[in-house]
Amino acid sequence: MRRRHHFHIDHAGHSVSATVQTGRTAVVEVLVDGKETGHATTHHDHPVTVRVELPTDPPTKVSVRATPGPGIPRCVFEAPATEPHIMSPRLY
C-alpha cells in the first residue's frame, strides 16, 4: 500500500519540504519555497539523498536524506557548515 508522508524545515529564510511516497518503489520529492527542485526513487526501504540548491546569492547546495522505512519514514536536512537536522513531520 502506498502512503504519502510530509516533512518540513526552515533554513536561512527558505522553506524546504519533502514528500516521501512509500511502497515497493519509494518516491521522494523536495520543494524549496514551494517549487519542486529535486526528486528521486529508491526500492523498498533503501535510503536516498536528494541534492538541491537554496536560492541564495550564490546558491547554497543542500541535501535531504530520506529513509522510507522500515516503519515510519524520516528525512534529514544537511547543509554546509551545520549539523544535520531532522525534518519535522507534517500531517496533511
Protein backbone atom coordinates (compact mmCIF):
# COMPACT_ATOMS: atom_id res chain seq x y z
CA MET A 1 0.00 0.00 0.00
CA ARG A 2 1.34 3.43 -0.94
CA ARG A 3 1.22 6.28 1.57
CA ARG A 4 2.49 9.86 1.44
CA HIS A 5 4.48 11.34 4.34
CA HIS A 6 5.35 15.05 4.51
CA PHE A 7 8.32 16.75 6.22
CA HIS A 8 9.38 20.39 6.59
CA ILE A 9 12.19 22.64 7.82
CA ASP A 10 13.02 26.35 7.51
CA HIS A 11 16.66 27.18 6.80
CA ALA A 12 18.32 30.53 6.03
CA GLY A 13 14.95 32.15 5.33
CA HIS A 14 13.83 29.42 2.93
CA SER A 15 11.17 26.73 3.25
CA VAL A 16 12.27 23.16 2.46
CA SER A 17 9.61 20.46 2.24
CA ALA A 18 9.90 16.78 1.37
CA THR A 19 7.26 14.23 0.47
CA VAL A 20 8.05 10.52 0.75
CA GLN A 21 5.66 8.17 -1.01
CA THR A 22 6.23 4.66 0.31
CA GLY A 23 5.63 1.35 -1.45
CA ARG A 24 7.66 -1.14 -3.48
CA THR A 25 9.32 1.84 -5.16
CA ALA A 26 9.60 4.84 -2.85
CA VAL A 27 9.40 8.31 -4.42
CA VAL A 28 10.94 11.38 -2.74
CA GLU A 29 10.10 14.93 -3.87
CA VAL A 30 11.81 18.03 -2.45
CA LEU A 31 10.35 21.55 -2.71
CA VAL A 32 12.23 24.76 -1.94
CA ASP A 33 9.98 27.78 -1.35
CA GLY A 34 7.07 25.82 -2.85
CA LYS A 35 8.82 24.86 -6.10
CA GLU A 36 9.87 21.28 -6.89
CA THR A 37 13.64 21.31 -7.14
CA GLY A 38 14.52 17.64 -6.86
CA HIS A 39 13.19 14.11 -6.77
CA ALA A 40 14.49 10.57 -6.58
CA THR A 41 13.29 6.99 -6.38
CA THR A 42 14.55 4.04 -4.39
CA HIS A 43 13.47 0.44 -3.92
CA HIS A 44 11.97 -0.91 -0.70
CA ASP A 45 13.46 0.76 2.40
CA HIS A 46 16.81 1.89 0.97
CA PRO A 47 17.83 5.45 1.92
CA VAL A 48 18.19 8.04 -0.84
CA THR A 49 19.78 11.52 -0.91
CA VAL A 50 18.25 14.33 -2.97
CA ARG A 51 20.58 17.25 -3.67
CA VAL A 52 19.02 20.68 -4.24
CA GLU A 53 20.05 24.36 -4.10
CA LEU A 54 18.69 27.17 -1.96
CA PRO A 55 18.11 30.38 -3.98
CA THR A 56 20.71 32.47 -2.16
CA ASP A 57 23.46 34.58 -3.70
CA PRO A 58 25.48 32.50 -4.50
CA PRO A 59 23.20 29.40 -4.46
CA THR A 60 23.72 27.11 -1.46
CA LYS A 61 23.91 23.37 -2.13
CA VAL A 62 21.98 21.33 0.44
CA SER A 63 20.58 17.82 0.56
CA VAL A 64 17.68 15.88 2.03
CA ARG A 65 18.42 12.29 3.06
CA ALA A 66 15.20 10.26 3.11
CA THR A 67 14.78 6.84 4.69
CA PRO A 68 11.43 5.35 3.60
CA GLY A 69 11.43 2.62 6.25
CA PRO A 70 11.21 0.25 7.92
CA GLY A 71 8.36 1.74 9.88
CA ILE A 72 7.68 5.45 9.61
CA PRO A 73 9.78 7.33 7.03
CA ARG A 74 12.17 10.06 8.15
CA CYS A 75 14.09 12.88 6.47
CA VAL A 76 17.30 14.62 7.49
CA PHE A 77 18.30 18.04 6.14
CA GLU A 78 22.02 18.57 5.52
CA ALA A 79 23.65 21.93 4.76
CA PRO A 80 27.30 23.05 4.69
CA ALA A 81 28.85 24.19 7.98
CA THR A 82 25.86 22.94 10.04
CA GLU A 83 24.97 19.70 11.72
CA PRO A 84 22.28 17.55 10.06
CA HIS A 85 18.73 18.40 11.22
CA ILE A 86 15.80 16.01 11.44
CA MET A 87 12.92 17.43 9.41
CA SER A 88 9.60 17.77 11.24
CA PRO A 89 6.76 15.54 10.05
CA ARG A 90 3.65 17.36 8.78
CA LEU A 91 0.14 15.94 8.88
CA TYR A 92 -1.79 16.90 5.74
